[in-house]
Amino acid sequence: MTDCIFCKIVSKEIPSEIIYEDDKLIAFKDIDPQAPVHIIVIPKKHIKSLNELDQNDSTLIGHIFLTIKELVKQLGIKEKGYRVVNNCGELGGQTVPHIHFHVLGDRKFSWPPG
């Protein structure tokens, strides 16, 4: 997907502060952090949104969440607590059409969000 900013981060066309990468996903610091810890975790495969997932993506999504589990430990927020957010569609607040997960931590969050 040539117009996708996250695909350009995956291909290294756009620089980012990568904190983790493997053959399936990449995690990087958010450029507009909403918490002291705010990273974005994306699959390298372009998937527009949660609505576009199918059964073939179940292993990938499982891998993303298991990686998040390890990253929060490395980032020192596992025990204190953190939030994982996926925005889907315009009313859901999705601004980049590439499925992604915000991992936020190191501050108190309120409920309901937004």
N, C-alpha and C. Protein backbone atom coordinates (compact mmCIF):
# COMPACT_ATOMS: atom_id res chain seq x y z
N MET A 1 0.87 -1.18 0.00
CA MET A 1 0.00 0.00 0.00
C MET A 1 0.90 1.22 0.00
N THR A 2 1.01 1.90 -1.10
CA THR A 2 1.99 2.97 -1.26
C THR A 2 1.64 4.26 -0.53
N ASP A 3 0.37 4.52 -0.24
CA ASP A 3 -0.03 5.75 0.44
C ASP A 3 -0.08 5.60 1.96
N CYS A 4 0.11 4.42 2.47
CA CYS A 4 -0.06 4.16 3.90
C CYS A 4 1.20 4.56 4.68
N ILE A 5 1.03 5.48 5.62
CA ILE A 5 2.18 5.95 6.41
C ILE A 5 2.81 4.82 7.22
N PHE A 6 1.98 3.90 7.73
CA PHE A 6 2.54 2.80 8.51
C PHE A 6 3.29 1.81 7.62
N CYS A 7 2.82 1.59 6.40
CA CYS A 7 3.57 0.75 5.47
C CYS A 7 4.92 1.39 5.14
N LYS A 8 4.94 2.72 5.07
CA LYS A 8 6.20 3.42 4.82
C LYS A 8 7.15 3.31 6.02
N ILE A 9 6.61 3.23 7.23
CA ILE A 9 7.46 2.99 8.41
C ILE A 9 8.01 1.57 8.35
N VAL A 10 7.18 0.61 7.98
CA VAL A 10 7.62 -0.78 7.86
C VAL A 10 8.75 -0.89 6.84
N SER A 11 8.62 -0.21 5.70
CA SER A 11 9.64 -0.29 4.65
C SER A 11 10.82 0.66 4.88
N LYS A 12 10.79 1.39 6.00
CA LYS A 12 11.86 2.32 6.40
C LYS A 12 11.95 3.54 5.49
N GLU A 13 10.89 3.83 4.75
CA GLU A 13 10.84 5.06 3.95
C GLU A 13 10.65 6.28 4.85
N ILE A 14 9.99 6.07 5.97
CA ILE A 14 9.77 7.13 6.96
C ILE A 14 10.44 6.68 8.25
N PRO A 15 11.29 7.54 8.82
CA PRO A 15 11.97 7.14 10.06
C PRO A 15 11.01 7.11 11.25
N SER A 16 11.29 6.24 12.17
CA SER A 16 10.53 6.18 13.42
C SER A 16 11.45 5.61 14.49
N GLU A 17 11.06 5.80 15.72
CA GLU A 17 11.85 5.28 16.84
C GLU A 17 11.35 3.88 17.17
N ILE A 18 11.91 2.93 16.45
CA ILE A 18 11.49 1.53 16.58
C ILE A 18 12.01 0.96 17.90
N ILE A 19 11.11 0.31 18.64
CA ILE A 19 11.54 -0.33 19.88
C ILE A 19 11.53 -1.85 19.78
N TYR A 20 10.86 -2.37 18.74
CA TYR A 20 10.84 -3.82 18.53
C TYR A 20 10.48 -4.09 17.08
N GLU A 21 11.09 -5.14 16.53
CA GLU A 21 10.75 -5.56 15.18
C GLU A 21 11.07 -7.03 15.03
N ASP A 22 10.18 -7.74 14.34
CA ASP A 22 10.45 -9.11 13.93
C ASP A 22 9.90 -9.28 12.51
N ASP A 23 9.79 -10.49 12.05
CA ASP A 23 9.36 -10.70 10.66
C ASP A 23 7.89 -10.40 10.42
N LYS A 24 7.09 -10.30 11.50
CA LYS A 24 5.66 -10.10 11.35
C LYS A 24 5.14 -8.74 11.79
N LEU A 25 5.87 -8.07 12.69
CA LEU A 25 5.36 -6.82 13.23
C LEU A 25 6.47 -5.85 13.58
N ILE A 26 6.05 -4.64 13.87
CA ILE A 26 6.97 -3.59 14.27
C ILE A 26 6.28 -2.76 15.36
N ALA A 27 7.06 -2.31 16.33
CA ALA A 27 6.55 -1.45 17.40
C ALA A 27 7.44 -0.22 17.47
N PHE A 28 6.81 0.94 17.60
CA PHE A 28 7.57 2.19 17.61
C PHE A 28 6.89 3.20 18.52
N LYS A 29 7.65 4.21 18.93
CA LYS A 29 7.11 5.25 19.79
C LYS A 29 6.16 6.14 19.00
N ASP A 30 5.05 6.49 19.61
CA ASP A 30 4.08 7.39 18.99
C ASP A 30 4.68 8.79 18.90
N ILE A 31 4.47 9.47 17.79
CA ILE A 31 5.05 10.81 17.62
C ILE A 31 4.26 11.88 18.38
N ASP A 32 3.05 11.55 18.84
CA ASP A 32 2.23 12.47 19.63
C ASP A 32 1.74 11.72 20.87
N PRO A 33 2.65 11.41 21.79
CA PRO A 33 2.29 10.54 22.92
C PRO A 33 1.20 11.14 23.81
N GLN A 34 0.28 10.25 24.22
CA GLN A 34 -0.81 10.63 25.10
C GLN A 34 -0.60 10.11 26.51
N ALA A 35 0.56 9.54 26.75
CA ALA A 35 0.94 9.03 28.07
C ALA A 35 2.46 8.98 28.10
N PRO A 36 3.06 8.89 29.30
CA PRO A 36 4.52 8.79 29.37
C PRO A 36 5.09 7.63 28.55
N VAL A 37 4.35 6.52 28.50
CA VAL A 37 4.69 5.42 27.60
C VAL A 37 3.56 5.34 26.59
N HIS A 38 3.90 5.47 25.31
CA HIS A 38 2.90 5.37 24.25
C HIS A 38 3.60 4.83 23.00
N ILE A 39 3.33 3.57 22.73
CA ILE A 39 3.90 2.94 21.54
C ILE A 39 2.77 2.47 20.63
N ILE A 40 3.12 2.28 19.38
CA ILE A 40 2.20 1.75 18.37
C ILE A 40 2.75 0.40 17.92
N VAL A 41 1.88 -0.59 17.86
CA VAL A 41 2.27 -1.92 17.40
C VAL A 41 1.44 -2.22 16.15
N ILE A 42 2.12 -2.55 15.06
CA ILE A 42 1.43 -2.81 13.80
C ILE A 42 1.96 -4.09 13.15
N PRO A 43 1.08 -4.78 12.42
CA PRO A 43 1.59 -5.88 11.60
C PRO A 43 2.28 -5.30 10.38
N LYS A 44 3.27 -6.01 9.87
CA LYS A 44 3.92 -5.57 8.64
C LYS A 44 2.99 -5.77 7.44
N LYS A 45 2.12 -6.74 7.54
CA LYS A 45 1.11 -6.97 6.51
C LYS A 45 0.09 -5.84 6.58
N HIS A 46 -0.23 -5.26 5.43
CA HIS A 46 -1.23 -4.19 5.42
C HIS A 46 -2.63 -4.79 5.57
N ILE A 47 -3.26 -4.43 6.67
CA ILE A 47 -4.66 -4.77 6.93
C ILE A 47 -5.31 -3.44 7.29
N LYS A 48 -6.34 -3.06 6.58
CA LYS A 48 -6.92 -1.73 6.75
C LYS A 48 -7.45 -1.48 8.17
N SER A 49 -8.18 -2.42 8.73
CA SER A 49 -8.74 -2.23 10.06
C SER A 49 -9.15 -3.58 10.64
N LEU A 50 -9.62 -3.53 11.85
CA LEU A 50 -10.13 -4.73 12.52
C LEU A 50 -11.23 -5.38 11.68
N ASN A 51 -12.00 -4.57 10.97
CA ASN A 51 -13.08 -5.09 10.13
C ASN A 51 -12.59 -5.95 8.98
N GLU A 52 -11.32 -5.82 8.62
CA GLU A 52 -10.78 -6.55 7.48
C GLU A 52 -10.13 -7.87 7.88
N LEU A 53 -10.05 -8.17 9.18
CA LEU A 53 -9.42 -9.42 9.61
C LEU A 53 -10.24 -10.62 9.17
N ASP A 54 -9.53 -11.71 8.89
CA ASP A 54 -10.22 -12.97 8.64
C ASP A 54 -9.50 -14.08 9.41
N GLN A 55 -10.00 -15.29 9.30
CA GLN A 55 -9.45 -16.42 10.05
C GLN A 55 -7.95 -16.59 9.81
N ASN A 56 -7.47 -16.26 8.62
CA ASN A 56 -6.05 -16.40 8.31
C ASN A 56 -5.17 -15.46 9.13
N ASP A 57 -5.76 -14.43 9.72
CA ASP A 57 -5.00 -13.46 10.51
C ASP A 57 -4.96 -13.78 12.01
N SER A 58 -5.61 -14.86 12.42
CA SER A 58 -5.70 -15.15 13.86
C SER A 58 -4.33 -15.38 14.50
N THR A 59 -3.44 -16.06 13.83
CA THR A 59 -2.10 -16.28 14.37
C THR A 59 -1.34 -14.96 14.48
N LEU A 60 -1.47 -14.10 13.50
CA LEU A 60 -0.81 -12.80 13.51
C LEU A 60 -1.31 -11.95 14.68
N ILE A 61 -2.60 -11.90 14.88
CA ILE A 61 -3.16 -11.09 15.97
C ILE A 61 -2.74 -11.67 17.32
N GLY A 62 -2.71 -12.98 17.44
CA GLY A 62 -2.21 -13.60 18.66
C GLY A 62 -0.76 -13.23 18.91
N HIS A 63 0.04 -13.23 17.87
CA HIS A 63 1.46 -12.85 17.98
C HIS A 63 1.60 -11.40 18.43
N ILE A 64 0.76 -10.52 17.90
CA ILE A 64 0.81 -9.11 18.31
C ILE A 64 0.56 -8.99 19.81
N PHE A 65 -0.47 -9.64 20.31
CA PHE A 65 -0.79 -9.51 21.73
C PHE A 65 0.23 -10.18 22.63
N LEU A 66 0.81 -11.29 22.22
CA LEU A 66 1.88 -11.90 23.01
C LEU A 66 3.13 -11.03 23.01
N THR A 67 3.38 -10.34 21.91
CA THR A 67 4.51 -9.41 21.85
C THR A 67 4.24 -8.21 22.76
N ILE A 68 3.02 -7.69 22.75
CA ILE A 68 2.67 -6.59 23.65
C ILE A 68 2.91 -7.01 25.10
N LYS A 69 2.55 -8.22 25.44
CA LYS A 69 2.78 -8.74 26.80
C LYS A 69 4.25 -8.65 27.18
N GLU A 70 5.15 -8.97 26.25
CA GLU A 70 6.59 -8.88 26.53
C GLU A 70 7.08 -7.44 26.53
N LEU A 71 6.55 -6.62 25.64
CA LEU A 71 6.98 -5.22 25.57
C LEU A 71 6.62 -4.45 26.84
N VAL A 72 5.43 -4.68 27.40
CA VAL A 72 5.06 -3.94 28.61
C VAL A 72 5.96 -4.33 29.79
N LYS A 73 6.43 -5.56 29.77
CA LYS A 73 7.39 -5.97 30.79
C LYS A 73 8.69 -5.20 30.61
N GLN A 74 9.20 -5.13 29.38
CA GLN A 74 10.44 -4.41 29.09
C GLN A 74 10.31 -2.91 29.35
N LEU A 75 9.12 -2.37 29.13
CA LEU A 75 8.89 -0.94 29.32
C LEU A 75 8.61 -0.58 30.78
N GLY A 76 8.52 -1.59 31.63
CA GLY A 76 8.33 -1.35 33.06
C GLY A 76 6.92 -0.95 33.46
N ILE A 77 5.92 -1.30 32.65
CA ILE A 77 4.55 -0.93 32.99
C ILE A 77 3.64 -2.14 33.24
N LYS A 78 4.18 -3.33 33.17
CA LYS A 78 3.37 -4.54 33.32
C LYS A 78 2.65 -4.57 34.66
N GLU A 79 3.35 -4.32 35.73
CA GLU A 79 2.77 -4.45 37.07
C GLU A 79 1.87 -3.27 37.43
N LYS A 80 2.20 -2.08 36.96
CA LYS A 80 1.41 -0.89 37.30
C LYS A 80 0.10 -0.83 36.51
N GLY A 81 0.10 -1.41 35.33
CA GLY A 81 -1.08 -1.39 34.47
C GLY A 81 -0.85 -0.56 33.23
N TYR A 82 -1.63 -0.84 32.22
CA TYR A 82 -1.49 -0.19 30.92
C TYR A 82 -2.79 -0.37 30.16
N ARG A 83 -2.90 0.31 29.03
CA ARG A 83 -4.08 0.21 28.19
C ARG A 83 -3.64 -0.13 26.77
N VAL A 84 -4.39 -1.03 26.12
CA VAL A 84 -4.19 -1.35 24.72
C VAL A 84 -5.45 -0.90 23.98
N VAL A 85 -5.26 -0.07 22.95
CA VAL A 85 -6.39 0.52 22.24
C VAL A 85 -6.28 0.23 20.76
N ASN A 86 -7.42 -0.17 20.17
CA ASN A 86 -7.53 -0.27 18.72
C ASN A 86 -8.72 0.58 18.30
N ASN A 87 -8.46 1.60 17.50
CA ASN A 87 -9.53 2.44 16.97
C ASN A 87 -9.93 1.89 15.60
N CYS A 88 -11.23 1.78 15.37
CA CYS A 88 -11.70 1.19 14.11
C CYS A 88 -12.73 2.11 13.46
N GLY A 89 -12.40 2.59 12.28
CA GLY A 89 -13.31 3.44 11.52
C GLY A 89 -13.31 4.88 12.00
N GLU A 90 -13.95 5.72 11.21
CA GLU A 90 -13.95 7.16 11.47
C GLU A 90 -14.53 7.51 12.85
N LEU A 91 -15.68 6.99 13.18
CA LEU A 91 -16.28 7.32 14.47
C LEU A 91 -15.54 6.67 15.64
N GLY A 92 -14.79 5.63 15.35
CA GLY A 92 -13.96 4.99 16.37
C GLY A 92 -12.64 5.70 16.59
N GLY A 93 -12.35 6.71 15.77
CA GLY A 93 -11.13 7.49 15.93
C GLY A 93 -9.94 6.98 15.14
N GLN A 94 -10.14 6.06 14.20
CA GLN A 94 -9.03 5.57 13.40
C GLN A 94 -8.62 6.63 12.39
N THR A 95 -7.37 7.06 12.45
CA THR A 95 -6.89 8.09 11.53
C THR A 95 -5.90 7.55 10.50
N VAL A 96 -5.36 6.37 10.73
CA VAL A 96 -4.45 5.73 9.77
C VAL A 96 -5.10 4.42 9.34
N PRO A 97 -5.34 4.22 8.05
CA PRO A 97 -6.01 3.01 7.58
C PRO A 97 -5.08 1.80 7.49
N HIS A 98 -4.53 1.44 8.63
CA HIS A 98 -3.66 0.26 8.78
C HIS A 98 -3.89 -0.18 10.22
N ILE A 99 -4.35 -1.39 10.43
CA ILE A 99 -4.66 -1.83 11.79
C ILE A 99 -3.46 -1.60 12.70
N HIS A 100 -3.73 -1.04 13.87
CA HIS A 100 -2.65 -0.76 14.80
C HIS A 100 -3.19 -0.73 16.23
N PHE A 101 -2.30 -0.94 17.15
CA PHE A 101 -2.65 -1.01 18.56
C PHE A 101 -1.79 -0.02 19.33
N HIS A 102 -2.46 0.86 20.05
CA HIS A 102 -1.77 1.80 20.93
C HIS A 102 -1.56 1.10 22.26
N VAL A 103 -0.35 1.17 22.78
CA VAL A 103 -0.06 0.67 24.12
C VAL A 103 0.35 1.89 24.93
N LEU A 104 -0.46 2.19 25.95
CA LEU A 104 -0.25 3.39 26.76
C LEU A 104 -0.07 3.00 28.22
N GLY A 105 0.84 3.70 28.90
CA GLY A 105 1.04 3.39 30.30
C GLY A 105 1.80 4.46 31.04
N ASP A 106 2.00 4.19 32.31
CA ASP A 106 2.75 5.04 33.24
C ASP A 106 1.97 6.28 33.64
N ARG A 107 0.62 6.18 33.56
CA ARG A 107 -0.25 7.21 34.13
C ARG A 107 -1.60 6.58 34.38
N LYS A 108 -2.42 7.24 35.18
CA LYS A 108 -3.77 6.78 35.48
C LYS A 108 -4.69 7.12 34.31
N PHE A 109 -5.52 6.16 33.91
CA PHE A 109 -6.49 6.36 32.84
C PHE A 109 -7.89 6.38 33.44
N SER A 110 -8.77 7.12 32.80
CA SER A 110 -10.15 7.18 33.28
C SER A 110 -11.05 6.34 32.40
N TRP A 111 -12.25 6.13 32.90
CA TRP A 111 -13.26 5.39 32.14
C TRP A 111 -14.58 6.10 32.30
N PRO A 112 -15.35 6.30 31.29
CA PRO A 112 -15.11 5.85 29.93
C PRO A 112 -14.11 6.73 29.20
N PRO A 113 -13.41 6.15 28.21
CA PRO A 113 -12.46 6.93 27.44
C PRO A 113 -13.19 7.86 26.47
N GLY A 114 -12.46 8.82 25.94
CA GLY A 114 -12.99 9.70 24.90
C GLY A 114 -14.01 10.61 25.45
